[in-house]
Amino acid sequence: AHSFETAVVFGAMSGASVFLMRHLAAWYEAEGLNPAVARSLVAETLRGNAEVFLQSDKSLDAICNGVGTPGGITEQMVSHLRQDGALESWHHAMTSILHRIAPDRKL
C-alpha cells in the first residue's frame, strides 16, 4: 500500500513539472527568445538531463557534483534556489499530496 500511495504522488509531480517547464520557457521568451525556441530548448535540456539520470551508473550526488564548477553559474543558480526555498518547496508539496492520499500514514 505504501508504494502505491507514494507512486500516486508522481501524477502530481508530473503535472507540476509541466507548469515548471512553462514558467522556464516564459522567462526565456521575456528575455527575447522566440517562443518556439524557448519551448524547445527547455524541453530538450530537461530531456537530456533525464537521459543522464537514466543512463549513467553514477550516483545522483555524483551527477549533481559533476554539473557545476565551484563558483560557477550552476552553483549560483542552485544557491539562489536553496535560499528561496524553491527546492525544499517541491519536497513539502509532494509530502502534502502524500498526506492527502494517505492521511493516516506515518511519514
Protein backbone atom coordinates (compact mmCIF):
# COMPACT_ATOMS: atom_id res chain seq x y z
CA ALA A 1 0.00 0.00 0.00
CA HIS A 2 2.80 2.43 0.84
CA SER A 3 4.44 2.06 -2.56
CA PHE A 4 1.10 2.70 -4.33
CA GLU A 5 0.46 5.81 -2.25
CA THR A 6 3.95 7.09 -2.91
CA ALA A 7 3.62 6.34 -6.64
CA VAL A 8 0.40 8.36 -6.84
CA VAL A 9 2.45 11.44 -5.94
CA PHE A 10 4.17 11.02 -9.33
CA GLY A 11 0.98 12.22 -11.01
CA ALA A 12 1.12 15.49 -9.10
CA MET A 13 4.88 15.83 -9.66
CA SER A 14 4.44 15.19 -13.38
CA GLY A 15 1.73 17.81 -13.69
CA ALA A 16 3.72 20.34 -11.66
CA SER A 17 6.79 19.75 -13.84
CA VAL A 18 4.78 20.86 -16.88
CA PHE A 19 3.99 24.12 -15.07
CA LEU A 20 7.69 24.48 -14.22
CA MET A 21 8.61 23.98 -17.87
CA ARG A 22 6.07 26.61 -18.92
CA HIS A 23 7.48 29.01 -16.34
CA LEU A 24 11.05 28.47 -17.56
CA ALA A 25 10.08 28.89 -21.21
CA ALA A 26 8.18 32.09 -20.37
CA TRP A 27 11.29 33.53 -18.71
CA TYR A 28 13.35 32.87 -21.85
CA GLU A 29 10.60 34.40 -24.02
CA ALA A 30 10.57 37.50 -21.81
CA GLU A 31 14.33 37.73 -22.33
CA GLY A 32 13.88 37.77 -26.10
CA LEU A 33 13.95 34.16 -27.27
CA ASN A 34 11.44 33.10 -29.88
CA PRO A 35 8.61 31.22 -28.06
CA ALA A 36 9.11 28.04 -30.11
CA VAL A 37 12.86 28.12 -29.49
CA ALA A 38 12.38 28.72 -25.75
CA ARG A 39 9.91 25.84 -25.52
CA SER A 40 12.20 23.50 -27.45
CA LEU A 41 15.34 24.42 -25.51
CA VAL A 42 13.65 23.93 -22.13
CA ALA A 43 12.21 20.57 -23.21
CA GLU A 44 15.44 19.35 -24.82
CA THR A 45 17.53 20.41 -21.83
CA LEU A 46 15.29 18.56 -19.38
CA ARG A 47 15.10 15.54 -21.69
CA GLY A 48 18.90 15.46 -21.87
CA ASN A 49 19.18 15.70 -18.09
CA ALA A 50 16.65 12.89 -17.72
CA GLU A 51 18.72 10.72 -20.08
CA VAL A 52 21.79 11.27 -17.90
CA PHE A 53 19.77 10.10 -14.88
CA LEU A 54 18.59 7.06 -16.81
CA GLN A 55 21.85 6.09 -18.50
CA SER A 56 24.59 6.97 -16.01
CA ASP A 57 25.77 4.47 -13.45
CA LYS A 58 26.98 7.34 -11.24
CA SER A 59 25.08 8.18 -8.06
CA LEU A 60 22.69 11.12 -8.21
CA ASP A 61 25.01 13.04 -5.90
CA ALA A 62 27.95 12.37 -8.25
CA ILE A 63 25.93 13.58 -11.23
CA CYS A 64 24.95 16.77 -9.38
CA ASN A 65 28.53 17.35 -8.27
CA GLY A 66 29.69 16.91 -11.86
CA VAL A 67 27.45 19.52 -13.47
CA GLY A 68 28.80 22.57 -11.74
CA THR A 69 32.08 24.32 -11.21
CA PRO A 70 32.83 25.77 -7.78
CA GLY A 71 31.96 29.46 -8.00
CA GLY A 72 30.23 28.91 -11.35
CA ILE A 73 26.81 29.76 -12.67
CA THR A 74 25.20 26.42 -11.76
CA GLU A 75 26.38 26.80 -8.17
CA GLN A 76 25.00 30.36 -8.15
CA MET A 77 21.62 29.23 -9.52
CA VAL A 78 21.28 26.34 -7.05
CA SER A 79 22.35 28.61 -4.19
CA HIS A 80 19.59 31.10 -5.04
CA LEU A 81 17.03 28.31 -5.38
CA ARG A 82 18.04 26.94 -1.97
CA GLN A 83 17.98 30.38 -0.33
CA ASP A 84 14.48 30.96 -1.67
CA GLY A 85 13.36 27.51 -0.54
CA ALA A 86 12.50 26.53 -4.12
CA LEU A 87 13.99 23.04 -3.96
CA GLU A 88 12.57 22.34 -0.49
CA SER A 89 9.15 23.52 -1.71
CA TRP A 90 8.98 20.51 -4.04
CA HIS A 91 9.61 18.24 -1.03
CA HIS A 92 6.89 19.95 1.03
CA ALA A 93 4.40 19.93 -1.84
CA MET A 94 4.96 16.23 -2.54
CA THR A 95 4.60 15.41 1.16
CA SER A 96 1.32 17.37 1.28
CA ILE A 97 -0.02 15.26 -1.61
CA LEU A 98 1.04 12.09 0.19
CA HIS A 99 -0.75 13.28 3.34
CA ARG A 100 -3.86 13.96 1.24
CA ILE A 101 -3.78 10.48 -0.29
CA ALA A 102 -2.84 8.69 2.93
CA PRO A 103 -3.78 10.95 5.87
CA ASP A 104 -3.16 8.21 8.44
CA ARG A 105 0.24 7.21 7.10
CA LYS A 106 3.13 7.98 9.42
CA LEU A 107 5.73 9.97 7.50
